[in-house]
Amino acid sequence: MALRLLYLIALRVFDWIALFTRSEASKDVEILVLHHELSVLRRQVATPRPSTADRGRSARSSLHVHRPSGRCQMSRSCMSSICLSFTSRRYSS
């Protein structure tokens, strides 16, 4: 355990020494490469698509959000259909 800790500390120290001795141009190139890798990975991850049940649950839970009483006096069925249409438009492509 102690040997592993010493190894990791030595590894960090050598990484810092290597980082400080590198030129600014090589650091800039590394940043550009990492930026490109990150953008490629972001494109590969698909955005989550909620199912119909998920949309219904979020619409139902939005009915419990506190709304001032002086505003619209809609019935619950009317509000749930409005919420469902809003969420279905928002999550469909």
C-alpha atoms as a PDB file:
ATOM      1  CA  MET A   1       0.000   0.000   0.000  1.00  0.00           C
ATOM      2  CA  ALA A   2       2.741   2.448   0.965  1.00  0.00           C
ATOM      3  CA  LEU A   3       4.774   1.445  -2.074  1.00  0.00           C
ATOM      4  CA  ARG A   4       1.825   2.206  -4.363  1.00  0.00           C
ATOM      5  CA  LEU A   5       1.338   5.587  -2.705  1.00  0.00           C
ATOM      6  CA  LEU A   6       5.005   6.459  -3.207  1.00  0.00           C
ATOM      7  CA  TYR A   7       4.754   5.349  -6.839  1.00  0.00           C
ATOM      8  CA  LEU A   8       1.718   7.570  -7.464  1.00  0.00           C
ATOM      9  CA  ILE A   9       3.361  10.556  -5.780  1.00  0.00           C
ATOM     10  CA  ALA A  10       6.539  10.088  -7.849  1.00  0.00           C
ATOM     11  CA  LEU A  11       4.453   9.773 -10.993  1.00  0.00           C
ATOM     12  CA  ARG A  12       2.677  13.077 -10.240  1.00  0.00           C
ATOM     13  CA  VAL A  13       5.971  14.850  -9.533  1.00  0.00           C
ATOM     14  CA  PHE A  14       7.455  13.661 -12.824  1.00  0.00           C
ATOM     15  CA  ASP A  15       4.281  14.709 -14.659  1.00  0.00           C
ATOM     16  CA  TRP A  16       4.552  18.205 -13.178  1.00  0.00           C
ATOM     17  CA  ILE A  17       8.226  18.463 -14.110  1.00  0.00           C
ATOM     18  CA  ALA A  18       7.437  17.378 -17.673  1.00  0.00           C
ATOM     19  CA  LEU A  19       4.582  19.883 -17.838  1.00  0.00           C
ATOM     20  CA  PHE A  20       6.729  22.797 -16.689  1.00  0.00           C
ATOM     21  CA  THR A  21       9.513  22.037 -19.155  1.00  0.00           C
ATOM     22  CA  ARG A  22       7.234  21.864 -22.206  1.00  0.00           C
ATOM     23  CA  SER A  23       6.869  24.783 -24.549  1.00  0.00           C
ATOM     24  CA  GLU A  24       3.733  26.864 -24.889  1.00  0.00           C
ATOM     25  CA  ALA A  25       3.189  25.637 -28.450  1.00  0.00           C
ATOM     26  CA  SER A  26       3.065  21.993 -27.387  1.00  0.00           C
ATOM     27  CA  LYS A  27       0.605  22.880 -24.620  1.00  0.00           C
ATOM     28  CA  ASP A  28      -1.594  24.687 -27.146  1.00  0.00           C
ATOM     29  CA  VAL A  29      -1.516  21.695 -29.473  1.00  0.00           C
ATOM     30  CA  GLU A  30      -2.500  19.385 -26.630  1.00  0.00           C
ATOM     31  CA  ILE A  31      -5.427  21.647 -25.728  1.00  0.00           C
ATOM     32  CA  LEU A  32      -6.612  21.642 -29.343  1.00  0.00           C
ATOM     33  CA  VAL A  33      -6.388  17.850 -29.546  1.00  0.00           C
ATOM     34  CA  LEU A  34      -8.295  17.420 -26.286  1.00  0.00           C
ATOM     35  CA  HIS A  35     -10.932  19.882 -27.477  1.00  0.00           C
ATOM     36  CA  HIS A  36     -11.361  17.905 -30.678  1.00  0.00           C
ATOM     37  CA  GLU A  37     -11.620  14.603 -28.772  1.00  0.00           C
ATOM     38  CA  LEU A  38     -14.249  16.098 -26.492  1.00  0.00           C
ATOM     39  CA  SER A  39     -16.323  17.363 -29.421  1.00  0.00           C
ATOM     40  CA  VAL A  40     -16.176  13.923 -31.078  1.00  0.00           C
ATOM     41  CA  LEU A  41     -17.293  12.235 -27.852  1.00  0.00           C
ATOM     42  CA  ARG A  42     -20.166  14.702 -27.423  1.00  0.00           C
ATOM     43  CA  ARG A  43     -21.428  13.856 -30.914  1.00  0.00           C
ATOM     44  CA  GLN A  44     -21.363  10.139 -30.147  1.00  0.00           C
ATOM     45  CA  VAL A  45     -23.522  10.423 -27.031  1.00  0.00           C
ATOM     46  CA  ALA A  46     -27.192  10.468 -27.984  1.00  0.00           C
ATOM     47  CA  THR A  47     -29.553  12.814 -26.204  1.00  0.00           C
ATOM     48  CA  PRO A  48     -32.011  11.014 -23.950  1.00  0.00           C
ATOM     49  CA  ARG A  49     -35.439  10.518 -25.484  1.00  0.00           C
ATOM     50  CA  PRO A  50     -38.152  10.305 -22.832  1.00  0.00           C
ATOM     51  CA  SER A  51     -40.837   7.707 -23.365  1.00  0.00           C
ATOM     52  CA  THR A  52     -44.547   8.478 -23.449  1.00  0.00           C
ATOM     53  CA  ALA A  53     -44.833   7.377 -19.816  1.00  0.00           C
ATOM     54  CA  ASP A  54     -42.012   9.753 -18.819  1.00  0.00           C
ATOM     55  CA  ARG A  55     -43.731  12.634 -20.559  1.00  0.00           C
ATOM     56  CA  GLY A  56     -47.011  11.794 -18.855  1.00  0.00           C
ATOM     57  CA  ARG A  57     -45.330  11.690 -15.451  1.00  0.00           C
ATOM     58  CA  SER A  58     -43.673  15.048 -15.988  1.00  0.00           C
ATOM     59  CA  ALA A  59     -46.968  16.542 -17.158  1.00  0.00           C
ATOM     60  CA  ARG A  60     -48.773  15.185 -14.113  1.00  0.00           C
ATOM     61  CA  SER A  61     -46.075  16.440 -11.747  1.00  0.00           C
ATOM     62  CA  SER A  62     -46.246  19.898 -13.316  1.00  0.00           C
ATOM     63  CA  LEU A  63     -49.856  20.127 -12.132  1.00  0.00           C
ATOM     64  CA  HIS A  64     -48.603  20.179  -8.540  1.00  0.00           C
ATOM     65  CA  VAL A  65     -46.422  23.223  -9.096  1.00  0.00           C
ATOM     66  CA  HIS A  66     -47.688  26.199  -7.123  1.00  0.00           C
ATOM     67  CA  ARG A  67     -49.467  28.696  -9.331  1.00  0.00           C
ATOM     68  CA  PRO A  68     -50.893  32.021  -8.154  1.00  0.00           C
ATOM     69  CA  SER A  69     -54.669  31.849  -7.836  1.00  0.00           C
ATOM     70  CA  GLY A  70     -55.249  35.146  -9.643  1.00  0.00           C
ATOM     71  CA  ARG A  71     -54.089  33.763 -12.977  1.00  0.00           C
ATOM     72  CA  CYS A  72     -55.813  31.207 -15.181  1.00  0.00           C
ATOM     73  CA  GLN A  73     -58.611  29.078 -13.709  1.00  0.00           C
ATOM     74  CA  MET A  74     -58.330  26.000 -15.943  1.00  0.00           C
ATOM     75  CA  SER A  75     -59.648  22.577 -15.112  1.00  0.00           C
ATOM     76  CA  ARG A  76     -57.163  19.763 -14.422  1.00  0.00           C
ATOM     77  CA  SER A  77     -58.048  17.889 -17.625  1.00  0.00           C
ATOM     78  CA  CYS A  78     -57.503  20.993 -19.731  1.00  0.00           C
ATOM     79  CA  MET A  79     -54.159  21.698 -18.080  1.00  0.00           C
ATOM     80  CA  SER A  80     -52.928  18.130 -18.452  1.00  0.00           C
ATOM     81  CA  SER A  81     -53.707  18.142 -22.176  1.00  0.00           C
ATOM     82  CA  ILE A  82     -51.844  21.449 -22.545  1.00  0.00           C
ATOM     83  CA  CYS A  83     -48.845  20.058 -20.639  1.00  0.00           C
ATOM     84  CA  LEU A  84     -48.840  16.856 -22.674  1.00  0.00           C
ATOM     85  CA  SER A  85     -48.911  18.768 -25.935  1.00  0.00           C
ATOM     86  CA  PHE A  86     -46.090  21.026 -24.711  1.00  0.00           C
ATOM     87  CA  THR A  87     -43.850  18.141 -23.654  1.00  0.00           C
ATOM     88  CA  SER A  88     -44.546  16.129 -26.801  1.00  0.00           C
ATOM     89  CA  ARG A  89     -43.552  19.116 -28.962  1.00  0.00           C
ATOM     90  CA  ARG A  90     -40.485  19.775 -26.877  1.00  0.00           C
ATOM     91  CA  TYR A  91     -39.051  16.238 -26.976  1.00  0.00           C
ATOM     92  CA  SER A  92     -39.956  15.287 -30.541  1.00  0.00           C
ATOM     93  CA  SER A  93     -37.471  16.027 -33.285  1.00  0.00           C
END
